[in-house]
Protein backbone atom coordinates (compact mmCIF):
# COMPACT_ATOMS: atom_id res chain seq x y z
CA MET A 1 6.24 -57.84 -46.23
CA ARG A 2 5.13 -54.32 -47.25
CA GLN A 3 1.23 -55.70 -46.95
CA LEU A 4 1.83 -56.90 -43.35
CA TYR A 5 3.26 -53.62 -42.21
CA ASP A 6 0.20 -51.55 -43.86
CA THR A 7 -2.07 -54.23 -42.14
CA THR A 8 -0.81 -53.99 -38.77
CA LYS A 9 -0.55 -50.23 -39.05
CA LYS A 10 -4.01 -50.02 -40.03
CA LEU A 11 -5.35 -52.53 -37.31
CA ALA A 12 -3.41 -50.37 -34.41
CA GLY A 13 -4.59 -47.21 -35.34
CA ASN A 14 -3.08 -43.73 -34.82
CA ARG A 15 -0.89 -43.98 -31.55
CA ARG A 16 -0.34 -40.52 -30.41
CA LYS A 17 1.30 -39.61 -27.10
CA PRO A 18 -1.05 -38.59 -24.41
CA GLU A 19 -1.27 -34.89 -24.14
CA ARG A 20 -0.33 -33.06 -20.90
CA PRO A 21 -3.06 -31.23 -19.68
CA VAL A 22 -2.92 -27.42 -19.43
CA LYS A 23 -4.01 -26.33 -15.97
CA ARG A 24 -5.02 -22.83 -14.66
CA LYS A 25 -2.94 -21.29 -11.98
CA GLU A 26 -5.43 -22.87 -9.26
CA GLY A 27 -4.80 -26.31 -10.73
CA LYS A 28 -8.00 -26.67 -12.52
CA VAL A 29 -7.77 -28.38 -16.12
CA ILE A 30 -8.61 -25.91 -19.10
CA THR A 31 -10.00 -27.61 -21.85
CA ASN A 32 -10.75 -24.88 -24.48
CA ILE A 33 -7.86 -24.45 -26.92
CA GLU A 34 -7.95 -20.56 -27.03
CA GLU A 35 -7.68 -20.56 -23.05
CA GLN A 36 -4.87 -22.83 -23.10
CA ARG A 37 -3.09 -20.65 -25.46
CA ASN A 38 -3.80 -17.58 -23.30
CA ARG A 39 -2.55 -19.60 -20.17
CA TRP A 40 0.95 -20.30 -22.06
CA VAL A 41 1.15 -16.63 -23.19
CA GLU A 42 0.49 -15.78 -19.54
CA HIS A 43 3.29 -18.59 -18.20
CA PHE A 44 5.80 -17.32 -20.16
CA LYS A 45 5.27 -13.51 -19.75
CA GLU A 46 5.47 -14.23 -16.03
CA LEU A 47 8.81 -16.61 -16.76
CA LEU A 48 10.69 -14.15 -18.74
CA ASN A 49 9.54 -10.93 -17.33
CA ARG A 50 10.97 -11.21 -14.01
CA PRO A 51 12.41 -8.16 -12.38
CA ALA A 52 16.30 -7.99 -11.96
CA PRO A 53 17.70 -9.30 -8.75
CA LEU A 54 18.07 -6.64 -6.07
CA ASN A 55 21.59 -7.69 -4.98
CA SER A 56 23.34 -8.02 -8.42
CA PRO A 57 26.28 -10.55 -8.20
CA ASN A 58 29.75 -8.94 -7.73
CA ILE A 59 31.61 -10.20 -10.68
CA GLU A 60 35.09 -8.74 -11.40
CA ALA A 61 35.74 -7.87 -15.23
CA ALA A 62 38.27 -10.47 -16.70
CA PRO A 63 41.76 -9.25 -17.46
CA THR A 64 42.32 -8.14 -20.97
CA ASP A 65 46.34 -8.34 -21.04
CA LEU A 66 46.72 -12.32 -20.46
CA PRO A 67 50.15 -13.58 -20.72
CA THR A 68 50.58 -15.62 -23.90
CA ASP A 69 53.52 -17.80 -24.67
CA VAL A 70 53.80 -17.96 -28.57
CA SER A 71 57.35 -19.47 -28.52
CA PRO A 72 57.92 -22.58 -30.36
CA PRO A 73 57.27 -25.81 -28.20
CA THR A 74 59.85 -27.59 -26.44
CA ILE A 75 61.09 -30.92 -27.10
CA GLU A 76 59.47 -32.19 -23.88
CA GLU A 77 56.12 -30.63 -24.97
CA ILE A 78 56.44 -32.40 -28.19
CA SER A 79 57.19 -35.87 -26.76
CA MET A 80 54.47 -35.30 -24.07
CA ALA A 81 51.81 -34.54 -27.09
CA ILE A 82 53.01 -37.71 -29.01
CA ARG A 83 52.64 -39.96 -25.84
CA GLN A 84 49.25 -38.43 -25.38
CA ILE A 85 48.19 -39.59 -29.14
CA LYS A 86 46.84 -43.19 -28.85
CA SER A 87 48.00 -45.47 -31.72
CA GLY A 88 45.63 -47.50 -33.77
CA LYS A 89 42.74 -45.10 -33.07
CA ALA A 90 40.89 -43.53 -35.73
CA VAL A 91 41.14 -39.90 -36.05
CA GLY A 92 38.46 -37.98 -34.10
CA PRO A 93 36.42 -35.01 -35.20
CA PHE A 94 38.70 -32.44 -33.81
CA ASP A 95 41.85 -34.18 -34.77
CA SER A 96 43.40 -33.02 -37.91
CA VAL A 97 46.64 -34.89 -38.10
CA ASN A 98 47.33 -38.59 -36.95
CA ARG A 99 50.19 -40.04 -35.59
CA THR A 100 52.00 -41.03 -38.10
CA THR A 101 51.46 -37.95 -40.07
CA LEU A 102 52.88 -36.10 -36.77
CA TRP A 103 56.02 -38.37 -36.74
CA LYS A 104 57.07 -38.02 -40.49
CA LEU A 105 56.42 -34.16 -39.98
CA LEU A 106 58.79 -33.79 -36.96
CA ARG A 107 61.62 -36.10 -38.80
CA HIS A 108 61.07 -33.67 -41.81
CA CYS A 109 61.69 -30.62 -39.61
CA GLY A 110 64.97 -32.11 -38.20
CA VAL A 111 63.88 -33.43 -34.97
CA PRO A 112 66.04 -36.37 -33.99
CA GLN A 113 65.16 -40.11 -34.41
CA LYS A 114 65.34 -40.83 -30.89
CA ILE A 115 62.61 -38.09 -29.80
CA VAL A 116 60.16 -39.26 -32.67
CA ASN A 117 60.17 -42.83 -31.41
CA ILE A 118 59.28 -41.90 -27.98
């Protein structure tokens, strides 16, 4: 099988993606490698060194003293979170606790069984 693969590869030759030509501003194709490099340098200098806009956007500063609720979650919030967890699904990349573990934890913390069974 390996020999077949090697033979096919030799017969097919090197398949390279066709290169897109670099053009001058006037649209003429540049064939010299050094001129192509210089054109890329010129292109990125124009692209990255633009002057700042005349009318700067009027962006207000974000408030620094936002209200944060650090109180323990309510029973309604807990039951809503449990309902949103899909059973029978694999734990996602950002999930650290699966549904069964969460139920056991809630029972251990004294949450009534009827809330856990929602």
